[in-house]
Amino acid sequence: MNGIEFGKGLGLKVSDALMFPLCTDNAWGRGCHSKLDQGGIYDKATAVGLQITWLHQTRDELKRLGQWPEQADRDVETFVGAYLRRQVTC
């Protein structure tokens, strides 16, 4: 999740709490990373929806393992929550 909609801007990076693993291309085909990024196959709305889903799946797994820091939830709420609230008002 590195778009402006999640707090990224000139010289700014988003919180590490908004990261999730993606598979790479291999001999059998394109991975989800290239499908999502740099002219991938998803339109913007689909790409953002997938990123939010993958973020929550990653968060849930890290919570299950006891490896999700409390600050990360605040960052998710700050950046993803703000994005979702903007979508509701549009």
PDB file of N, CA and C in Angstrom:
ATOM      1  N   MET A   1       0.854  -1.160   0.000  1.00  0.00           N
ATOM      2  CA  MET A   1       0.000   0.000   0.000  1.00  0.00           C
ATOM      3  C   MET A   1       0.901   1.223   0.000  1.00  0.00           C
ATOM      4  N   ASN A   2       1.212   1.692  -1.154  1.00  0.00           N
ATOM      5  CA  ASN A   2       2.140   2.809  -1.195  1.00  0.00           C
ATOM      6  C   ASN A   2       1.592   3.990  -1.964  1.00  0.00           C
ATOM      7  N   GLY A   3       0.289   4.067  -2.101  1.00  0.00           N
ATOM      8  CA  GLY A   3      -0.304   5.165  -2.850  1.00  0.00           C
ATOM      9  C   GLY A   3      -0.584   6.384  -1.998  1.00  0.00           C
ATOM     10  N   ILE A   4      -0.828   7.474  -2.673  1.00  0.00           N
ATOM     11  CA  ILE A   4      -1.146   8.730  -1.990  1.00  0.00           C
ATOM     12  C   ILE A   4      -2.377   8.577  -1.119  1.00  0.00           C
ATOM     13  N   GLU A   5      -3.287   7.683  -1.514  1.00  0.00           N
ATOM     14  CA  GLU A   5      -4.512   7.498  -0.737  1.00  0.00           C
ATOM     15  C   GLU A   5      -4.244   6.952   0.662  1.00  0.00           C
ATOM     16  N   PHE A   6      -3.051   6.411   0.873  1.00  0.00           N
ATOM     17  CA  PHE A   6      -2.705   5.864   2.185  1.00  0.00           C
ATOM     18  C   PHE A   6      -1.604   6.657   2.882  1.00  0.00           C
ATOM     19  N   GLY A   7      -1.456   7.924   2.509  1.00  0.00           N
ATOM     20  CA  GLY A   7      -0.525   8.788   3.214  1.00  0.00           C
ATOM     21  C   GLY A   7       0.832   8.972   2.565  1.00  0.00           C
ATOM     22  N   LYS A   8       1.077   8.310   1.447  1.00  0.00           N
ATOM     23  CA  LYS A   8       2.376   8.471   0.776  1.00  0.00           C
ATOM     24  C   LYS A   8       2.358   9.778  -0.009  1.00  0.00           C
ATOM     25  N   GLY A   9       3.456  10.460   0.019  1.00  0.00           N
ATOM     26  CA  GLY A   9       3.591  11.694  -0.730  1.00  0.00           C
ATOM     27  C   GLY A   9       5.050  11.958  -1.017  1.00  0.00           C
ATOM     28  N   LEU A  10       5.326  13.074  -1.605  1.00  0.00           N
ATOM     29  CA  LEU A  10       6.687  13.431  -1.958  1.00  0.00           C
ATOM     30  C   LEU A  10       7.585  13.351  -0.730  1.00  0.00           C
ATOM     31  N   GLY A  11       8.498  12.412  -0.736  1.00  0.00           N
ATOM     32  CA  GLY A  11       9.432  12.246   0.372  1.00  0.00           C
ATOM     33  C   GLY A  11       8.845  11.553   1.583  1.00  0.00           C
ATOM     34  N   LEU A  12       7.608  11.099   1.514  1.00  0.00           N
ATOM     35  CA  LEU A  12       6.966  10.426   2.644  1.00  0.00           C
ATOM     36  C   LEU A  12       6.703   8.966   2.316  1.00  0.00           C
ATOM     37  N   LYS A  13       6.934   8.113   3.287  1.00  0.00           N
ATOM     38  CA  LYS A  13       6.605   6.699   3.140  1.00  0.00           C
ATOM     39  C   LYS A  13       5.427   6.402   4.044  1.00  0.00           C
ATOM     40  N   VAL A  14       4.658   5.399   3.712  1.00  0.00           N
ATOM     41  CA  VAL A  14       3.565   5.005   4.585  1.00  0.00           C
ATOM     42  C   VAL A  14       4.110   4.148   5.720  1.00  0.00           C
ATOM     43  N   SER A  15       3.292   3.930   6.706  1.00  0.00           N
ATOM     44  CA  SER A  15       3.659   3.115   7.859  1.00  0.00           C
ATOM     45  C   SER A  15       3.993   1.687   7.434  1.00  0.00           C
ATOM     46  N   ASP A  16       4.949   1.082   8.112  1.00  0.00           N
ATOM     47  CA  ASP A  16       5.262  -0.330   7.871  1.00  0.00           C
ATOM     48  C   ASP A  16       4.076  -1.226   8.204  1.00  0.00           C
ATOM     49  N   ALA A  17       3.133  -0.730   8.995  1.00  0.00           N
ATOM     50  CA  ALA A  17       1.933  -1.508   9.323  1.00  0.00           C
ATOM     51  C   ALA A  17       1.069  -1.758   8.097  1.00  0.00           C
ATOM     52  N   LEU A  18       1.313  -1.030   7.028  1.00  0.00           N
ATOM     53  CA  LEU A  18       0.524  -1.187   5.811  1.00  0.00           C
ATOM     54  C   LEU A  18       1.222  -2.062   4.785  1.00  0.00           C
ATOM     55  N   MET A  19       2.090  -2.943   5.241  1.00  0.00           N
ATOM     56  CA  MET A  19       2.818  -3.843   4.338  1.00  0.00           C
ATOM     57  C   MET A  19       2.243  -5.253   4.422  1.00  0.00           C
ATOM     58  N   PHE A  20       2.370  -5.963   3.323  1.00  0.00           N
ATOM     59  CA  PHE A  20       1.941  -7.355   3.265  1.00  0.00           C
ATOM     60  C   PHE A  20       2.761  -8.028   2.171  1.00  0.00           C
ATOM     61  N   PRO A  21       2.967  -9.332   2.305  1.00  0.00           N
ATOM     62  CA  PRO A  21       3.775 -10.040   1.307  1.00  0.00           C
ATOM     63  C   PRO A  21       2.978 -10.320   0.029  1.00  0.00           C
ATOM     64  N   LEU A  22       3.660 -10.253  -1.089  1.00  0.00           N
ATOM     65  CA  LEU A  22       3.054 -10.602  -2.379  1.00  0.00           C
ATOM     66  C   LEU A  22       3.974 -11.553  -3.125  1.00  0.00           C
ATOM     67  N   CYS A  23       3.382 -12.451  -3.881  1.00  0.00           N
ATOM     68  CA  CYS A  23       4.181 -13.414  -4.635  1.00  0.00           C
ATOM     69  C   CYS A  23       4.767 -12.750  -5.878  1.00  0.00           C
ATOM     70  N   THR A  24       5.894 -13.254  -6.310  1.00  0.00           N
ATOM     71  CA  THR A  24       6.585 -12.710  -7.474  1.00  0.00           C
ATOM     72  C   THR A  24       6.298 -13.558  -8.716  1.00  0.00           C
ATOM     73  N   ASP A  25       6.697 -13.043  -9.843  1.00  0.00           N
ATOM     74  CA  ASP A  25       6.594 -13.807 -11.084  1.00  0.00           C
ATOM     75  C   ASP A  25       7.500 -15.034 -10.985  1.00  0.00           C
ATOM     76  N   ASN A  26       7.117 -16.084 -11.678  1.00  0.00           N
ATOM     77  CA  ASN A  26       7.962 -17.272 -11.733  1.00  0.00           C
ATOM     78  C   ASN A  26       7.762 -17.939 -13.097  1.00  0.00           C
ATOM     79  N   ALA A  27       8.317 -19.090 -13.279  1.00  0.00           N
ATOM     80  CA  ALA A  27       8.244 -19.782 -14.569  1.00  0.00           C
ATOM     81  C   ALA A  27       6.814 -20.142 -14.972  1.00  0.00           C
ATOM     82  N   TRP A  28       5.895 -20.183 -14.008  1.00  0.00           N
ATOM     83  CA  TRP A  28       4.519 -20.593 -14.282  1.00  0.00           C
ATOM     84  C   TRP A  28       3.590 -19.423 -14.530  1.00  0.00           C
ATOM     85  N   GLY A  29       4.071 -18.197 -14.346  1.00  0.00           N
ATOM     86  CA  GLY A  29       3.212 -17.060 -14.641  1.00  0.00           C
ATOM     87  C   GLY A  29       3.495 -15.844 -13.777  1.00  0.00           C
ATOM     88  N   ARG A  30       2.655 -14.847 -13.982  1.00  0.00           N
ATOM     89  CA  ARG A  30       2.780 -13.605 -13.229  1.00  0.00           C
ATOM     90  C   ARG A  30       2.328 -13.811 -11.798  1.00  0.00           C
ATOM     91  N   GLY A  31       3.051 -13.216 -10.889  1.00  0.00           N
ATOM     92  CA  GLY A  31       2.669 -13.253  -9.492  1.00  0.00           C
ATOM     93  C   GLY A  31       1.755 -12.088  -9.153  1.00  0.00           C
ATOM     94  N   CYS A  32       1.200 -12.131  -7.947  1.00  0.00           N
ATOM     95  CA  CYS A  32       0.254 -11.082  -7.562  1.00  0.00           C
ATOM     96  C   CYS A  32       0.921  -9.715  -7.473  1.00  0.00           C
ATOM     97  N   HIS A  33       2.239  -9.661  -7.236  1.00  0.00           N
ATOM     98  CA  HIS A  33       2.906  -8.360  -7.170  1.00  0.00           C
ATOM     99  C   HIS A  33       2.861  -7.638  -8.517  1.00  0.00           C
ATOM    100  N   SER A  34       3.233  -8.302  -9.575  1.00  0.00           N
ATOM    101  CA  SER A  34       3.219  -7.626 -10.881  1.00  0.00           C
ATOM    102  C   SER A  34       1.798  -7.437 -11.402  1.00  0.00           C
ATOM    103  N   LYS A  35       0.871  -8.283 -10.980  1.00  0.00           N
ATOM    104  CA  LYS A  35      -0.523  -8.079 -11.370  1.00  0.00           C
ATOM    105  C   LYS A  35      -1.097  -6.825 -10.718  1.00  0.00           C
ATOM    106  N   LEU A  36      -0.579  -6.497  -9.545  1.00  0.00           N
ATOM    107  CA  LEU A  36      -1.077  -5.340  -8.812  1.00  0.00           C
ATOM    108  C   LEU A  36      -0.360  -4.053  -9.212  1.00  0.00           C
ATOM    109  N   ASP A  37       0.928  -4.129  -9.409  1.00  0.00           N
ATOM    110  CA  ASP A  37       1.764  -2.942  -9.540  1.00  0.00           C
ATOM    111  C   ASP A  37       2.184  -2.692 -10.985  1.00  0.00           C
ATOM    112  N   GLN A  38       2.523  -1.468 -11.281  1.00  0.00           N
ATOM    113  CA  GLN A  38       3.121  -1.074 -12.550  1.00  0.00           C
ATOM    114  C   GLN A  38       2.352  -1.579 -13.777  1.00  0.00           C
ATOM    115  N   GLY A  39       1.153  -1.093 -13.910  1.00  0.00           N
ATOM    116  CA  GLY A  39       0.361  -1.449 -15.079  1.00  0.00           C
ATOM    117  C   GLY A  39      -0.184  -2.854 -15.028  1.00  0.00           C
ATOM    118  N   GLY A  40      -0.459  -3.318 -13.836  1.00  0.00           N
ATOM    119  CA  GLY A  40      -1.003  -4.660 -13.658  1.00  0.00           C
ATOM    120  C   GLY A  40      -2.390  -4.799 -14.258  1.00  0.00           C
ATOM    121  N   ILE A  41      -3.044  -5.871 -13.919  1.00  0.00           N
ATOM    122  CA  ILE A  41      -4.328  -6.189 -14.545  1.00  0.00           C
ATOM    123  C   ILE A  41      -5.535  -5.608 -13.801  1.00  0.00           C
ATOM    124  N   TYR A  42      -5.302  -5.018 -12.614  1.00  0.00           N
ATOM    125  CA  TYR A  42      -6.426  -4.519 -11.815  1.00  0.00           C
ATOM    126  C   TYR A  42      -6.636  -3.025 -12.013  1.00  0.00           C
ATOM    127  N   ASP A  43      -7.905  -2.616 -12.070  1.00  0.00           N
ATOM    128  CA  ASP A  43      -8.193  -1.187 -12.052  1.00  0.00           C
ATOM    129  C   ASP A  43      -7.917  -0.672 -10.636  1.00  0.00           C
ATOM    130  N   LYS A  44      -7.879   0.636 -10.471  1.00  0.00           N
ATOM    131  CA  LYS A  44      -7.474   1.245  -9.197  1.00  0.00           C
ATOM    132  C   LYS A  44      -8.361   0.794  -8.037  1.00  0.00           C
ATOM    133  N   ALA A  45      -9.663   0.798  -8.222  1.00  0.00           N
ATOM    134  CA  ALA A  45     -10.572   0.425  -7.132  1.00  0.00           C
ATOM    135  C   ALA A  45     -10.364  -1.034  -6.716  1.00  0.00           C
ATOM    136  N   THR A  46     -10.202  -1.924  -7.675  1.00  0.00           N
ATOM    137  CA  THR A  46      -9.961  -3.334  -7.372  1.00  0.00           C
ATOM    138  C   THR A  46      -8.624  -3.505  -6.666  1.00  0.00           C
ATOM    139  N   ALA A  47      -7.597  -2.800  -7.146  1.00  0.00           N
ATOM    140  CA  ALA A  47      -6.270  -2.894  -6.539  1.00  0.00           C
ATOM    141  C   ALA A  47      -6.300  -2.436  -5.084  1.00  0.00           C
ATOM    142  N   VAL A  48      -6.964  -1.328  -4.808  1.00  0.00           N
ATOM    143  CA  VAL A  48      -7.052  -0.839  -3.428  1.00  0.00           C
ATOM    144  C   VAL A  48      -7.824  -1.826  -2.566  1.00  0.00           C
ATOM    145  N   GLY A  49      -8.928  -2.356  -3.080  1.00  0.00           N
ATOM    146  CA  GLY A  49      -9.707  -3.342  -2.322  1.00  0.00           C
ATOM    147  C   GLY A  49      -8.893  -4.582  -1.988  1.00  0.00           C
ATOM    148  N   LEU A  50      -8.125  -5.073  -2.954  1.00  0.00           N
ATOM    149  CA  LEU A  50      -7.268  -6.233  -2.707  1.00  0.00           C
ATOM    150  C   LEU A  50      -6.209  -5.920  -1.659  1.00  0.00           C
ATOM    151  N   GLN A  51      -5.618  -4.717  -1.755  1.00  0.00           N
ATOM    152  CA  GLN A  51      -4.591  -4.348  -0.782  1.00  0.00           C
ATOM    153  C   GLN A  51      -5.159  -4.295   0.634  1.00  0.00           C
ATOM    154  N   ILE A  52      -6.350  -3.768   0.787  1.00  0.00           N
ATOM    155  CA  ILE A  52      -6.968  -3.722   2.116  1.00  0.00           C
ATOM    156  C   ILE A  52      -7.252  -5.131   2.614  1.00  0.00           C
ATOM    157  N   THR A  53      -7.733  -6.003   1.751  1.00  0.00           N
ATOM    158  CA  THR A  53      -7.977  -7.403   2.128  1.00  0.00           C
ATOM    159  C   THR A  53      -6.680  -8.079   2.546  1.00  0.00           C
ATOM    160  N   TRP A  54      -5.636  -7.927   1.759  1.00  0.00           N
ATOM    161  CA  TRP A  54      -4.349  -8.569   2.070  1.00  0.00           C
ATOM    162  C   TRP A  54      -3.756  -8.006   3.354  1.00  0.00           C
ATOM    163  N   LEU A  55      -3.927  -6.702   3.562  1.00  0.00           N
ATOM    164  CA  LEU A  55      -3.444  -6.092   4.800  1.00  0.00           C
ATOM    165  C   LEU A  55      -4.126  -6.723   6.006  1.00  0.00           C
ATOM    166  N   HIS A  56      -5.437  -6.867   5.944  1.00  0.00           N
ATOM    167  CA  HIS A  56      -6.170  -7.462   7.071  1.00  0.00           C
ATOM    168  C   HIS A  56      -5.803  -8.928   7.273  1.00  0.00           C
ATOM    169  N   GLN A  57      -5.589  -9.666   6.197  1.00  0.00           N
ATOM    170  CA  GLN A  57      -5.155 -11.062   6.334  1.00  0.00           C
ATOM    171  C   GLN A  57      -3.789 -11.146   7.004  1.00  0.00           C
ATOM    172  N   THR A  58      -2.879 -10.256   6.606  1.00  0.00           N
ATOM    173  CA  THR A  58      -1.548 -10.230   7.217  1.00  0.00           C
ATOM    174  C   THR A  58      -1.650  -9.857   8.688  1.00  0.00           C
ATOM    175  N   ARG A  59      -2.431  -8.813   8.984  1.00  0.00           N
ATOM    176  CA  ARG A  59      -2.617  -8.384  10.377  1.00  0.00           C
ATOM    177  C   ARG A  59      -3.202  -9.510  11.221  1.00  0.00           C
ATOM    178  N   ASP A  60      -4.221 -10.183  10.710  1.00  0.00           N
ATOM    179  CA  ASP A  60      -4.851 -11.270  11.470  1.00  0.00           C
ATOM    180  C   ASP A  60      -3.858 -12.385  11.778  1.00  0.00           C
ATOM    181  N   GLU A  61      -3.024 -12.736  10.800  1.00  0.00           N
ATOM    182  CA  GLU A  61      -2.045 -13.799  11.020  1.00  0.00           C
ATOM    183  C   GLU A  61      -0.976 -13.362  12.027  1.00  0.00           C
ATOM    184  N   LEU A  62      -0.497 -12.135  11.905  1.00  0.00           N
ATOM    185  CA  LEU A  62       0.505 -11.653  12.858  1.00  0.00           C
ATOM    186  C   LEU A  62      -0.077 -11.530  14.267  1.00  0.00           C
ATOM    187  N   LYS A  63      -1.342 -11.134  14.372  1.00  0.00           N
ATOM    188  CA  LYS A  63      -1.991 -11.100  15.690  1.00  0.00           C
ATOM    189  C   LYS A  63      -2.071 -12.507  16.272  1.00  0.00           C
ATOM    190  N   ARG A  64      -2.434 -13.456  15.432  1.00  0.00           N
ATOM    191  CA  ARG A  64      -2.532 -14.848  15.890  1.00  0.00           C
ATOM    192  C   ARG A  64      -1.190 -15.327  16.430  1.00  0.00           C
ATOM    193  N   LEU A  65      -0.113 -14.873  15.809  1.00  0.00           N
ATOM    194  CA  LEU A  65       1.228 -15.269  16.224  1.00  0.00           C
ATOM    195  C   LEU A  65       1.777 -14.389  17.356  1.00  0.00           C
ATOM    196  N   GLY A  66       1.002 -13.388  17.772  1.00  0.00           N
ATOM    197  CA  GLY A  66       1.447 -12.485  18.823  1.00  0.00           C
ATOM    198  C   GLY A  66       2.545 -11.534  18.368  1.00  0.00           C
ATOM    199  N   GLN A  67       2.585 -11.232  17.071  1.00  0.00           N
ATOM    200  CA  GLN A  67       3.656 -10.407  16.528  1.00  0.00           C
ATOM    201  C   GLN A  67       3.162  -9.086  15.935  1.00  0.00           C
ATOM    202  N   TRP A  68       1.934  -8.713  16.244  1.00  0.00           N
ATOM    203  CA  TRP A  68       1.380  -7.467  15.701  1.00  0.00           C
ATOM    204  C   TRP A  68       1.457  -6.387  16.782  1.00  0.00           C
ATOM    205  N   PRO A  69       2.263  -5.343  16.574  1.00  0.00           N
ATOM    206  CA  PRO A  69       2.414  -4.312  17.597  1.00  0.00           C
ATOM    207  C   PRO A  69       1.168  -3.428  17.717  1.00  0.00           C
ATOM    208  N   GLU A  70       0.933  -2.933  18.901  1.00  0.00           N
ATOM    209  CA  GLU A  70      -0.231  -2.091  19.159  1.00  0.00           C
ATOM    210  C   GLU A  70      -0.237  -0.848  18.266  1.00  0.00           C
ATOM    211  N   GLN A  71       0.927  -0.238  18.077  1.00  0.00           N
ATOM    212  CA  GLN A  71       1.017   0.963  17.238  1.00  0.00           C
ATOM    213  C   GLN A  71       0.528   0.688  15.814  1.00  0.00           C
ATOM    214  N   ALA A  72       0.692  -0.529  15.357  1.00  0.00           N
ATOM    215  CA  ALA A  72       0.292  -0.863  13.991  1.00  0.00           C
ATOM    216  C   ALA A  72      -1.207  -0.681  13.796  1.00  0.00           C
ATOM    217  N   ASP A  73      -2.012  -1.052  14.789  1.00  0.00           N
ATOM    218  CA  ASP A  73      -3.461  -0.862  14.671  1.00  0.00           C
ATOM    219  C   ASP A  73      -3.799   0.620  14.550  1.00  0.00           C
ATOM    220  N   ARG A  74      -3.092   1.454  15.279  1.00  0.00           N
ATOM    221  CA  ARG A  74      -3.337   2.901  15.186  1.00  0.00           C
ATOM    222  C   ARG A  74      -2.983   3.401  13.788  1.00  0.00           C
ATOM    223  N   ASP A  75      -1.903   2.897  13.229  1.00  0.00           N
ATOM    224  CA  ASP A  75      -1.520   3.312  11.872  1.00  0.00           C
ATOM    225  C   ASP A  75      -2.542   2.841  10.841  1.00  0.00           C
ATOM    226  N   VAL A  76      -3.017   1.621  10.975  1.00  0.00           N
ATOM    227  CA  VAL A  76      -4.039   1.118  10.049  1.00  0.00           C
ATOM    228  C   VAL A  76      -5.276   2.000  10.135  1.00  0.00           C
ATOM    229  N   GLU A  77      -5.709   2.309  11.342  1.00  0.00           N
ATOM    230  CA  GLU A  77      -6.887   3.165  11.507  1.00  0.00           C
ATOM    231  C   GLU A  77      -6.632   4.552  10.919  1.00  0.00           C
ATOM    232  N   THR A  78      -5.465   5.097  11.184  1.00  0.00           N
ATOM    233  CA  THR A  78      -5.147   6.439  10.688  1.00  0.00           C
ATOM    234  C   THR A  78      -5.190   6.493   9.168  1.00  0.00           C
ATOM    235  N   PHE A  79      -4.497   5.584   8.509  1.00  0.00           N
ATOM    236  CA  PHE A  79      -4.353   5.671   7.060  1.00  0.00           C
ATOM    237  C   PHE A  79      -5.488   4.984   6.301  1.00  0.00           C
ATOM    238  N   VAL A  80      -5.785   3.741   6.629  1.00  0.00           N
ATOM    239  CA  VAL A  80      -6.841   3.026   5.909  1.00  0.00           C
ATOM    240  C   VAL A  80      -8.205   3.566   6.310  1.00  0.00           C
ATOM    241  N   GLY A  81      -8.384   3.826   7.603  1.00  0.00           N
ATOM    242  CA  GLY A  81      -9.660   4.384   8.066  1.00  0.00           C
ATOM    243  C   GLY A  81      -9.971   5.706   7.398  1.00  0.00           C
ATOM    244  N   ALA A  82      -8.966   6.578   7.301  1.00  0.00           N
ATOM    245  CA  ALA A  82      -9.167   7.872   6.650  1.00  0.00           C
ATOM    246  C   ALA A  82      -9.538   7.681   5.175  1.00  0.00           C
ATOM    247  N   TYR A  83      -8.858   6.760   4.513  1.00  0.00           N
ATOM    248  CA  TYR A  83      -9.168   6.484   3.102  1.00  0.00           C
ATOM    249  C   TYR A  83     -10.611   5.995   2.959  1.00  0.00           C
ATOM    250  N   LEU A  84     -11.020   5.057   3.795  1.00  0.00           N
ATOM    251  CA  LEU A  84     -12.375   4.510   3.698  1.00  0.00           C
ATOM    252  C   LEU A  84     -13.429   5.562   4.014  1.00  0.00           C
ATOM    253  N   ARG A  85     -13.165   6.411   4.984  1.00  0.00           N
ATOM    254  CA  ARG A  85     -14.124   7.490   5.304  1.00  0.00           C
ATOM    255  C   ARG A  85     -14.269   8.446   4.124  1.00  0.00           C
ATOM    256  N   ARG A  86     -13.170   8.738   3.428  1.00  0.00           N
ATOM    257  CA  ARG A  86     -13.246   9.608   2.247  1.00  0.00           C
ATOM    258  C   ARG A  86     -14.100   8.966   1.158  1.00  0.00           C
ATOM    259  N   GLN A  87     -14.021   7.653   1.011  1.00  0.00           N
ATOM    260  CA  GLN A  87     -14.783   6.966  -0.031  1.00  0.00           C
ATOM    261  C   GLN A  87     -16.280   7.020   0.253  1.00  0.00           C
ATOM    262  N   VAL A  88     -16.652   6.972   1.515  1.00  0.00           N
ATOM    263  CA  VAL A  88     -18.061   7.005   1.899  1.00  0.00           C
ATOM    264  C   VAL A  88     -18.659   8.380   1.610  1.00  0.00           C
ATOM    265  N   THR A  89     -17.863   9.432   1.762  1.00  0.00           N
ATOM    266  CA  THR A  89     -18.381  10.786   1.555  1.00  0.00           C
ATOM    267  C   THR A  89     -18.361  11.204   0.098  1.00  0.00           C
ATOM    268  N   CYS A  90     -17.719  10.420  -0.767  1.00  0.00           N
ATOM    269  CA  CYS A  90     -17.656  10.783  -2.199  1.00  0.00           C
ATOM    270  C   CYS A  90     -18.927  10.447  -2.929  1.00  0.00           C
TER     271      CYS A  90
END
